[in-house]
PDB file of all heavy atoms in Angstrom:
ATOM      1  N   ALA A   1       0.862  -1.213  -0.010  1.00  0.00           N
ATOM      2  CA  ALA A   1       0.037   0.054  -0.003  1.00  0.00           C
ATOM      3  C   ALA A   1       0.846   1.233   0.002  1.00  0.00           C
ATOM      4  O   ALA A   1       0.516   2.298  -0.603  1.00  0.00           O
ATOM      5  CB  ALA A   1      -0.946   0.008   1.185  1.00  0.00           C
ATOM      6  N   GLN A   2       1.965   1.234   0.734  1.00  0.00           N
ATOM      7  CA  GLN A   2       2.816   2.362   0.753  1.00  0.00           C
ATOM      8  C   GLN A   2       3.290   2.758  -0.591  1.00  0.00           C
ATOM      9  O   GLN A   2       3.271   3.939  -1.045  1.00  0.00           O
ATOM     10  CB  GLN A   2       4.098   2.081   1.620  1.00  0.00           C
ATOM     11  CG  GLN A   2       5.070   3.287   1.710  1.00  0.00           C
ATOM     12  CD  GLN A   2       6.161   3.001   2.665  1.00  0.00           C
ATOM     13  OE1 GLN A   2       6.143   2.111   3.400  1.00  0.00           O
ATOM     14  NE2 GLN A   2       7.179   3.858   2.575  1.00  0.00           N
ATOM     15  N   ALA A   3       3.760   1.755  -1.366  1.00  0.00           N
ATOM     16  CA  ALA A   3       4.244   2.023  -2.759  1.00  0.00           C
ATOM     17  C   ALA A   3       3.120   2.526  -3.644  1.00  0.00           C
ATOM     18  O   ALA A   3       3.262   3.505  -4.420  1.00  0.00           O
ATOM     19  CB  ALA A   3       4.843   0.736  -3.331  1.00  0.00           C
ATOM     20  N   ILE A   4       1.952   1.872  -3.508  1.00  0.00           N
ATOM     21  CA  ILE A   4       0.717   2.274  -4.415  1.00  0.00           C
ATOM     22  C   ILE A   4       0.288   3.654  -4.130  1.00  0.00           C
ATOM     23  O   ILE A   4       0.180   4.477  -5.044  1.00  0.00           O
ATOM     24  CB  ILE A   4      -0.370   1.255  -4.251  1.00  0.00           C
ATOM     25  CG1 ILE A   4       0.091  -0.101  -4.883  1.00  0.00           C
ATOM     26  CG2 ILE A   4      -1.634   1.758  -4.869  1.00  0.00           C
ATOM     27  CD1 ILE A   4      -0.926  -1.250  -4.563  1.00  0.00           C
ATOM     28  N   GLU A   5       0.031   3.984  -2.831  1.00  0.00           N
ATOM     29  CA  GLU A   5      -0.447   5.302  -2.538  1.00  0.00           C
ATOM     30  C   GLU A   5       0.487   6.384  -2.786  1.00  0.00           C
ATOM     31  O   GLU A   5       0.105   7.487  -3.176  1.00  0.00           O
ATOM     32  CB  GLU A   5      -0.977   5.263  -1.052  1.00  0.00           C
ATOM     33  CG  GLU A   5      -2.155   4.317  -0.931  1.00  0.00           C
ATOM     34  CD  GLU A   5      -2.834   4.358   0.447  1.00  0.00           C
ATOM     35  OE1 GLU A   5      -2.211   4.831   1.383  1.00  0.00           O
ATOM     36  OE2 GLU A   5      -3.960   3.920   0.563  1.00  0.00           O
ATOM     37  N   LYS A   6       1.820   6.186  -2.565  1.00  0.00           N
ATOM     38  CA  LYS A   6       2.801   7.174  -2.929  1.00  0.00           C
ATOM     39  C   LYS A   6       2.750   7.456  -4.419  1.00  0.00           C
ATOM     40  O   LYS A   6       2.840   8.577  -4.826  1.00  0.00           O
ATOM     41  CB  LYS A   6       4.204   6.740  -2.461  1.00  0.00           C
ATOM     42  CG  LYS A   6       4.486   6.839  -1.001  1.00  0.00           C
ATOM     43  CD  LYS A   6       5.812   6.256  -0.648  1.00  0.00           C
ATOM     44  CE  LYS A   6       6.951   7.089  -1.200  1.00  0.00           C
ATOM     45  NZ  LYS A   6       8.297   6.583  -0.715  1.00  0.00           N
ATOM     46  N   GLU A   7       2.637   6.404  -5.252  1.00  0.00           N
ATOM     47  CA  GLU A   7       2.575   6.604  -6.653  1.00  0.00           C
ATOM     48  C   GLU A   7       1.353   7.264  -7.095  1.00  0.00           C
ATOM     49  O   GLU A   7       1.360   8.168  -7.982  1.00  0.00           O
ATOM     50  CB  GLU A   7       2.733   5.198  -7.342  1.00  0.00           C
ATOM     51  CG  GLU A   7       4.017   4.471  -7.150  1.00  0.00           C
ATOM     52  CD  GLU A   7       5.120   5.263  -7.895  1.00  0.00           C
ATOM     53  OE1 GLU A   7       4.901   5.978  -8.811  1.00  0.00           O
ATOM     54  OE2 GLU A   7       6.305   5.019  -7.509  1.00  0.00           O
ATOM     55  N   ILE A   8       0.210   6.989  -6.508  1.00  0.00           N
ATOM     56  CA  ILE A   8      -1.052   7.569  -6.876  1.00  0.00           C
ATOM     57  C   ILE A   8      -1.068   9.032  -6.529  1.00  0.00           C
ATOM     58  O   ILE A   8      -1.426   9.928  -7.437  1.00  0.00           O
ATOM     59  CB  ILE A   8      -2.221   6.886  -6.139  1.00  0.00           C
ATOM     60  CG1 ILE A   8      -2.545   5.507  -6.719  1.00  0.00           C
ATOM     61  CG2 ILE A   8      -3.576   7.712  -6.203  1.00  0.00           C
ATOM     62  CD1 ILE A   8      -3.412   4.668  -5.961  1.00  0.00           C
ATOM     63  N   LEU A   9      -0.583   9.432  -5.381  1.00  0.00           N
ATOM     64  CA  LEU A   9      -0.558  10.833  -5.076  1.00  0.00           C
ATOM     65  C   LEU A   9       0.470  11.623  -5.859  1.00  0.00           C
ATOM     66  O   LEU A   9       0.332  12.836  -6.110  1.00  0.00           O
ATOM     67  CB  LEU A   9      -0.490  11.090  -3.557  1.00  0.00           C
ATOM     68  CG  LEU A   9      -1.836  11.206  -2.841  1.00  0.00           C
ATOM     69  CD1 LEU A   9      -2.588   9.913  -2.897  1.00  0.00           C
ATOM     70  CD2 LEU A   9      -1.737  11.768  -1.504  1.00  0.00           C
ATOM     71  N   SER A  10       1.625  10.983  -6.126  1.00  0.00           N
ATOM     72  CA  SER A  10       2.652  11.731  -6.815  1.00  0.00           C
ATOM     73  C   SER A  10       2.391  11.756  -8.336  1.00  0.00           C
ATOM     74  O   SER A  10       2.934  12.638  -9.087  1.00  0.00           O
ATOM     75  CB  SER A  10       4.042  11.020  -6.676  1.00  0.00           C
ATOM     76  OG  SER A  10       4.053   9.728  -7.223  1.00  0.00           O
ATOM     77  N   GLY A  11       1.534  10.873  -8.778  1.00  0.00           N
ATOM     78  CA  GLY A  11       1.186  10.832 -10.190  1.00  0.00           C
ATOM     79  C   GLY A  11       2.112  10.176 -11.119  1.00  0.00           C
ATOM     80  O   GLY A  11       1.986  10.262 -12.334  1.00  0.00           O
ATOM     81  N   GLN A  12       3.139   9.509 -10.551  1.00  0.00           N
ATOM     82  CA  GLN A  12       4.145   8.879 -11.394  1.00  0.00           C
ATOM     83  C   GLN A  12       3.640   7.504 -12.044  1.00  0.00           C
ATOM     84  O   GLN A  12       3.888   7.338 -13.185  1.00  0.00           O
ATOM     85  CB  GLN A  12       5.379   8.615 -10.606  1.00  0.00           C
ATOM     86  CG  GLN A  12       6.035   9.946 -10.080  1.00  0.00           C
ATOM     87  CD  GLN A  12       6.307  10.947 -11.173  1.00  0.00           C
ATOM     88  OE1 GLN A  12       6.921  10.608 -12.179  1.00  0.00           O
ATOM     89  NE2 GLN A  12       5.841  12.155 -11.017  1.00  0.00           N
ATOM     90  N   GLY A  13       3.020   6.732 -11.167  1.00  0.00           N
ATOM     91  CA  GLY A  13       2.473   5.488 -11.758  1.00  0.00           C
ATOM     92  C   GLY A  13       3.406   4.354 -12.003  1.00  0.00           C
ATOM     93  O   GLY A  13       2.877   3.345 -12.403  1.00  0.00           O
ATOM     94  N   SER A  14       4.673   4.422 -11.708  1.00  0.00           N
ATOM     95  CA  SER A  14       5.579   3.435 -12.167  1.00  0.00           C
ATOM     96  C   SER A  14       5.508   2.178 -11.297  1.00  0.00           C
ATOM     97  O   SER A  14       5.971   1.153 -11.688  1.00  0.00           O
ATOM     98  CB  SER A  14       7.050   3.962 -12.021  1.00  0.00           C
ATOM     99  OG  SER A  14       7.355   4.390 -10.723  1.00  0.00           O
ATOM    100  N   ALA A  15       4.911   2.226 -10.098  1.00  0.00           N
ATOM    101  CA  ALA A  15       4.796   1.059  -9.256  1.00  0.00           C
ATOM    102  C   ALA A  15       3.426   0.432  -9.266  1.00  0.00           C
ATOM    103  O   ALA A  15       3.181  -0.514  -8.585  1.00  0.00           O
ATOM    104  CB  ALA A  15       5.166   1.436  -7.719  1.00  0.00           C
ATOM    105  N   ILE A  16       2.587   0.895 -10.154  1.00  0.00           N
ATOM    106  CA  ILE A  16       1.251   0.400 -10.218  1.00  0.00           C
ATOM    107  C   ILE A  16       1.148  -0.634 -11.330  1.00  0.00           C
ATOM    108  O   ILE A  16       1.484  -0.318 -12.460  1.00  0.00           O
ATOM    109  CB  ILE A  16       0.193   1.498 -10.490  1.00  0.00           C
ATOM    110  CG1 ILE A  16       0.369   2.559  -9.339  1.00  0.00           C
ATOM    111  CG2 ILE A  16      -1.198   0.956 -10.548  1.00  0.00           C
ATOM    112  CD1 ILE A  16      -0.528   3.740  -9.647  1.00  0.00           C
ATOM    113  N   SER A  17       0.629  -1.845 -10.991  1.00  0.00           N
ATOM    114  CA  SER A  17       0.460  -2.849 -12.023  1.00  0.00           C
ATOM    115  C   SER A  17      -1.007  -2.834 -12.446  1.00  0.00           C
ATOM    116  O   SER A  17      -1.895  -2.272 -11.755  1.00  0.00           O
ATOM    117  CB  SER A  17       0.845  -4.183 -11.524  1.00  0.00           C
ATOM    118  OG  SER A  17       0.002  -4.495 -10.361  1.00  0.00           O
ATOM    119  N   GLY A  18      -1.314  -3.398 -13.643  1.00  0.00           N
ATOM    120  CA  GLY A  18      -2.661  -3.406 -14.097  1.00  0.00           C
ATOM    121  C   GLY A  18      -2.801  -2.254 -15.149  1.00  0.00           C
ATOM    122  O   GLY A  18      -1.879  -1.903 -15.868  1.00  0.00           O
ATOM    123  N   ALA A  19      -4.024  -1.728 -15.322  1.00  0.00           N
ATOM    124  CA  ALA A  19      -4.332  -0.751 -16.281  1.00  0.00           C
ATOM    125  C   ALA A  19      -4.834   0.486 -15.663  1.00  0.00           C
ATOM    126  O   ALA A  19      -5.515   0.470 -14.610  1.00  0.00           O
ATOM    127  CB  ALA A  19      -5.452  -1.300 -17.288  1.00  0.00           C
ATOM    128  N   LEU A  20      -4.544   1.635 -16.260  1.00  0.00           N
ATOM    129  CA  LEU A  20      -4.975   2.959 -15.801  1.00  0.00           C
ATOM    130  C   LEU A  20      -6.111   3.399 -16.755  1.00  0.00           C
ATOM    131  O   LEU A  20      -5.885   3.563 -17.933  1.00  0.00           O
ATOM    132  CB  LEU A  20      -3.840   3.900 -15.760  1.00  0.00           C
ATOM    133  CG  LEU A  20      -4.166   5.381 -15.392  1.00  0.00           C
ATOM    134  CD1 LEU A  20      -4.473   5.393 -13.886  1.00  0.00           C
ATOM    135  CD2 LEU A  20      -2.915   6.251 -15.603  1.00  0.00           C
ATOM    136  N   THR A  21      -7.292   3.660 -16.167  1.00  0.00           N
ATOM    137  CA  THR A  21      -8.404   4.058 -17.071  1.00  0.00           C
ATOM    138  C   THR A  21      -8.254   5.527 -17.428  1.00  0.00           C
ATOM    139  O   THR A  21      -8.155   6.380 -16.529  1.00  0.00           O
ATOM    140  CB  THR A  21      -9.729   3.841 -16.334  1.00  0.00           C
ATOM    141  OG1 THR A  21      -9.919   2.479 -15.943  1.00  0.00           O
ATOM    142  CG2 THR A  21     -10.922   4.174 -17.185  1.00  0.00           C
ATOM    143  N   ILE A  22      -8.377   5.761 -18.751  1.00  0.00           N
ATOM    144  CA  ILE A  22      -8.336   7.267 -19.144  1.00  0.00           C
ATOM    145  C   ILE A  22      -9.801   7.793 -19.054  1.00  0.00           C
ATOM    146  O   ILE A  22     -10.727   7.203 -19.555  1.00  0.00           O
ATOM    147  CB  ILE A  22      -7.904   7.367 -20.588  1.00  0.00           C
ATOM    148  CG1 ILE A  22      -6.354   6.869 -20.703  1.00  0.00           C
ATOM    149  CG2 ILE A  22      -7.975   8.728 -21.139  1.00  0.00           C
ATOM    150  CD1 ILE A  22      -5.788   6.966 -22.090  1.00  0.00           C
ATOM    151  N   LEU A  23      -9.902   8.839 -18.336  1.00  0.00           N
ATOM    152  CA  LEU A  23     -11.192   9.480 -18.063  1.00  0.00           C
ATOM    153  C   LEU A  23     -11.481  10.645 -18.891  1.00  0.00           C
ATOM    154  O   LEU A  23     -10.531  11.270 -19.445  1.00  0.00           O
ATOM    155  CB  LEU A  23     -11.274   9.910 -16.568  1.00  0.00           C
ATOM    156  CG  LEU A  23     -11.075   8.794 -15.515  1.00  0.00           C
ATOM    157  CD1 LEU A  23     -10.944   9.409 -14.132  1.00  0.00           C
ATOM    158  CD2 LEU A  23     -12.092   7.753 -15.591  1.00  0.00           C
ATOM    159  N   PRO A  24     -12.777  11.055 -19.126  1.00  0.00           N
ATOM    160  CA  PRO A  24     -13.050  12.295 -19.874  1.00  0.00           C
ATOM    161  C   PRO A  24     -12.345  13.475 -19.358  1.00  0.00           C
ATOM    162  O   PRO A  24     -11.912  14.376 -20.145  1.00  0.00           O
ATOM    163  CB  PRO A  24     -14.578  12.393 -19.749  1.00  0.00           C
ATOM    164  CG  PRO A  24     -15.021  10.948 -19.522  1.00  0.00           C
ATOM    165  CD  PRO A  24     -13.957  10.352 -18.717  1.00  0.00           C
ATOM    166  N   ALA A  25     -12.098  13.550 -17.974  1.00  0.00           N
ATOM    167  CA  ALA A  25     -11.369  14.742 -17.450  1.00  0.00           C
ATOM    168  C   ALA A  25      -9.988  14.887 -17.957  1.00  0.00           C
ATOM    169  O   ALA A  25      -9.496  15.954 -18.081  1.00  0.00           O
ATOM    170  CB  ALA A  25     -11.397  14.573 -15.875  1.00  0.00           C
ATOM    171  N   HIS A  26      -9.370  13.805 -18.360  1.00  0.00           N
ATOM    172  CA  HIS A  26      -8.002  13.852 -18.902  1.00  0.00           C
ATOM    173  C   HIS A  26      -8.032  14.569 -20.267  1.00  0.00           C
ATOM    174  O   HIS A  26      -6.998  15.075 -20.694  1.00  0.00           O
ATOM    175  CB  HIS A  26      -7.438  12.488 -19.096  1.00  0.00           C
ATOM    176  CG  HIS A  26      -7.221  11.707 -17.857  1.00  0.00           C
ATOM    177  ND1 HIS A  26      -7.572  10.390 -17.612  1.00  0.00           N
ATOM    178  CD2 HIS A  26      -6.660  12.100 -16.632  1.00  0.00           C
ATOM    179  CE1 HIS A  26      -7.275  10.000 -16.382  1.00  0.00           C
ATOM    180  NE2 HIS A  26      -6.757  11.074 -15.725  1.00  0.00           N
ATOM    181  N   LEU A  27      -9.212  14.650 -20.910  1.00  0.00           N
ATOM    182  CA  LEU A  27      -9.279  15.268 -22.236  1.00  0.00           C
ATOM    183  C   LEU A  27      -9.990  16.607 -22.229  1.00  0.00           C
ATOM    184  O   LEU A  27     -10.313  17.118 -23.288  1.00  0.00           O
ATOM    185  CB  LEU A  27      -9.927  14.292 -23.186  1.00  0.00           C
ATOM    186  CG  LEU A  27      -9.345  12.919 -23.362  1.00  0.00           C
ATOM    187  CD1 LEU A  27     -10.244  11.964 -24.104  1.00  0.00           C
ATOM    188  CD2 LEU A  27      -7.981  13.016 -24.077  1.00  0.00           C
ATOM    189  N   LYS A  28     -10.294  17.092 -21.057  1.00  0.00           N
ATOM    190  CA  LYS A  28     -11.187  18.313 -20.925  1.00  0.00           C
ATOM    191  C   LYS A  28     -10.587  19.500 -21.568  1.00  0.00           C
ATOM    192  O   LYS A  28     -11.327  20.424 -22.014  1.00  0.00           O
ATOM    193  CB  LYS A  28     -11.575  18.577 -19.551  1.00  0.00           C
ATOM    194  CG  LYS A  28     -10.457  18.897 -18.566  1.00  0.00           C
ATOM    195  CD  LYS A  28     -10.886  19.042 -17.178  1.00  0.00           C
ATOM    196  CE  LYS A  28      -9.771  19.220 -16.244  1.00  0.00           C
ATOM    197  NZ  LYS A  28     -10.224  19.339 -14.777  1.00  0.00           N
ATOM    198  N   ASN A  29      -9.245  19.588 -21.611  1.00  0.00           N
ATOM    199  CA  ASN A  29      -8.617  20.699 -22.257  1.00  0.00           C
ATOM    200  C   ASN A  29      -7.184  20.284 -22.614  1.00  0.00           C
ATOM    201  O   ASN A  29      -6.726  19.220 -22.259  1.00  0.00           O
ATOM    202  CB  ASN A  29      -8.598  21.985 -21.496  1.00  0.00           C
ATOM    203  CG  ASN A  29      -8.012  21.800 -20.054  1.00  0.00           C
ATOM    204  OD1 ASN A  29      -6.924  21.230 -19.958  1.00  0.00           O
ATOM    205  ND2 ASN A  29      -8.706  22.184 -19.028  1.00  0.00           N
ATOM    206  N   GLU A  30      -6.488  21.089 -23.429  1.00  0.00           N
ATOM    207  CA  GLU A  30      -5.202  20.745 -23.947  1.00  0.00           C
ATOM    208  C   GLU A  30      -4.167  20.631 -22.773  1.00  0.00           C
ATOM    209  O   GLU A  30      -3.297  19.705 -22.770  1.00  0.00           O
ATOM    210  CB  GLU A  30      -4.760  21.837 -24.952  1.00  0.00           C
ATOM    211  CG  GLU A  30      -3.366  21.449 -25.561  1.00  0.00           C
ATOM    212  CD  GLU A  30      -2.956  22.395 -26.717  1.00  0.00           C
ATOM    213  OE1 GLU A  30      -3.852  23.280 -27.071  1.00  0.00           O
ATOM    214  OE2 GLU A  30      -1.791  22.340 -27.136  1.00  0.00           O
ATOM    215  N   LEU A  31      -4.344  21.439 -21.751  1.00  0.00           N
ATOM    216  CA  LEU A  31      -3.465  21.447 -20.615  1.00  0.00           C
ATOM    217  C   LEU A  31      -3.595  20.111 -19.848  1.00  0.00           C
ATOM    218  O   LEU A  31      -2.514  19.526 -19.472  1.00  0.00           O
ATOM    219  CB  LEU A  31      -3.700  22.659 -19.693  1.00  0.00           C
ATOM    220  CG  LEU A  31      -2.796  22.657 -18.388  1.00  0.00           C
ATOM    221  CD1 LEU A  31      -1.340  22.859 -18.709  1.00  0.00           C
ATOM    222  CD2 LEU A  31      -3.334  23.840 -17.535  1.00  0.00           C
ATOM    223  N   ALA A  32      -4.772  19.708 -19.649  1.00  0.00           N
ATOM    224  CA  ALA A  32      -4.996  18.482 -18.867  1.00  0.00           C
ATOM    225  C   ALA A  32      -4.424  17.225 -19.612  1.00  0.00           C
ATOM    226  O   ALA A  32      -3.767  16.351 -19.069  1.00  0.00           O
ATOM    227  CB  ALA A  32      -6.465  18.235 -18.619  1.00  0.00           C
ATOM    228  N   TRP A  33      -4.587  17.208 -20.941  1.00  0.00           N
ATOM    229  CA  TRP A  33      -4.136  16.029 -21.734  1.00  0.00           C
ATOM    230  C   TRP A  33      -2.550  16.061 -21.908  1.00  0.00           C
ATOM    231  O   TRP A  33      -1.951  15.010 -21.776  1.00  0.00           O
ATOM    232  CB  TRP A  33      -4.771  16.035 -23.159  1.00  0.00           C
ATOM    233  CG  TRP A  33      -4.327  14.944 -24.012  1.00  0.00           C
ATOM    234  CD1 TRP A  33      -3.767  15.014 -25.233  1.00  0.00           C
ATOM    235  CD2 TRP A  33      -4.417  13.525 -23.771  1.00  0.00           C
ATOM    236  NE1 TRP A  33      -3.514  13.842 -25.798  1.00  0.00           N
ATOM    237  CE2 TRP A  33      -3.935  12.867 -24.824  1.00  0.00           C
ATOM    238  CE3 TRP A  33      -4.873  12.838 -22.615  1.00  0.00           C
ATOM    239  CZ2 TRP A  33      -3.860  11.483 -24.869  1.00  0.00           C
ATOM    240  CZ3 TRP A  33      -4.775  11.419 -22.682  1.00  0.00           C
ATOM    241  CH2 TRP A  33      -4.284  10.774 -23.811  1.00  0.00           C
ATOM    242  N   THR A  34      -2.015  17.273 -22.033  1.00  0.00           N
ATOM    243  CA  THR A  34      -0.602  17.330 -22.088  1.00  0.00           C
ATOM    244  C   THR A  34       0.020  16.879 -20.780  1.00  0.00           C
ATOM    245  O   THR A  34       1.071  16.232 -20.772  1.00  0.00           O
ATOM    246  CB  THR A  34      -0.165  18.757 -22.451  1.00  0.00           C
ATOM    247  OG1 THR A  34      -0.679  19.140 -23.685  1.00  0.00           O
ATOM    248  CG2 THR A  34       1.337  18.920 -22.477  1.00  0.00           C
ATOM    249  N   SER A  35      -0.562  17.344 -19.703  1.00  0.00           N
ATOM    250  CA  SER A  35      -0.088  16.994 -18.355  1.00  0.00           C
ATOM    251  C   SER A  35      -0.097  15.480 -18.246  1.00  0.00           C
ATOM    252  O   SER A  35       0.777  14.773 -17.733  1.00  0.00           O
ATOM    253  CB  SER A  35      -0.826  17.650 -17.262  1.00  0.00           C
ATOM    254  OG  SER A  35      -0.515  17.123 -16.050  1.00  0.00           O
ATOM    255  N   PHE A  36      -1.183  14.795 -18.642  1.00  0.00           N
ATOM    256  CA  PHE A  36      -1.345  13.343 -18.492  1.00  0.00           C
ATOM    257  C   PHE A  36      -0.327  12.613 -19.351  1.00  0.00           C
ATOM    258  O   PHE A  36       0.335  11.713 -18.868  1.00  0.00           O
ATOM    259  CB  PHE A  36      -2.814  12.938 -18.985  1.00  0.00           C
ATOM    260  CG  PHE A  36      -2.991  11.529 -18.987  1.00  0.00           C
ATOM    261  CD1 PHE A  36      -3.489  10.853 -17.780  1.00  0.00           C
ATOM    262  CD2 PHE A  36      -2.802  10.683 -20.082  1.00  0.00           C
ATOM    263  CE1 PHE A  36      -3.745   9.537 -17.753  1.00  0.00           C
ATOM    264  CE2 PHE A  36      -2.988   9.284 -20.041  1.00  0.00           C
ATOM    265  CZ  PHE A  36      -3.472   8.766 -18.918  1.00  0.00           C
ATOM    266  N   LYS A  37      -0.096  13.065 -20.595  1.00  0.00           N
ATOM    267  CA  LYS A  37       0.846  12.401 -21.493  1.00  0.00           C
ATOM    268  C   LYS A  37       2.285  12.523 -20.902  1.00  0.00           C
ATOM    269  O   LYS A  37       3.037  11.547 -20.875  1.00  0.00           O
ATOM    270  CB  LYS A  37       0.777  13.062 -22.898  1.00  0.00           C
ATOM    271  CG  LYS A  37      -0.466  12.675 -23.654  1.00  0.00           C
ATOM    272  CD  LYS A  37      -0.309  13.103 -25.109  1.00  0.00           C
ATOM    273  CE  LYS A  37      -0.232  14.636 -25.176  1.00  0.00           C
ATOM    274  NZ  LYS A  37      -0.136  15.093 -26.686  1.00  0.00           N
ATOM    275  N   ASN A  38       2.621  13.678 -20.423  1.00  0.00           N
ATOM    276  CA  ASN A  38       3.960  13.928 -19.931  1.00  0.00           C
ATOM    277  C   ASN A  38       4.213  13.045 -18.667  1.00  0.00           C
ATOM    278  O   ASN A  38       5.279  12.561 -18.435  1.00  0.00           O
ATOM    279  CB  ASN A  38       4.135  15.352 -19.550  1.00  0.00           C
ATOM    280  CG  ASN A  38       4.235  16.255 -20.700  1.00  0.00           C
ATOM    281  OD1 ASN A  38       4.465  15.731 -21.845  1.00  0.00           O
ATOM    282  ND2 ASN A  38       4.033  17.564 -20.521  1.00  0.00           N
TER     283      ASN A  38
END
């Protein structure tokens, strides 16, 4: 849990296995989508 929750709040995602669902909010504007991709 320590690894997972640190990754979730930091937004890095490298320690999370499985799939990450892309939500409509990720595409709500160019800034949000660019941030997600980066």
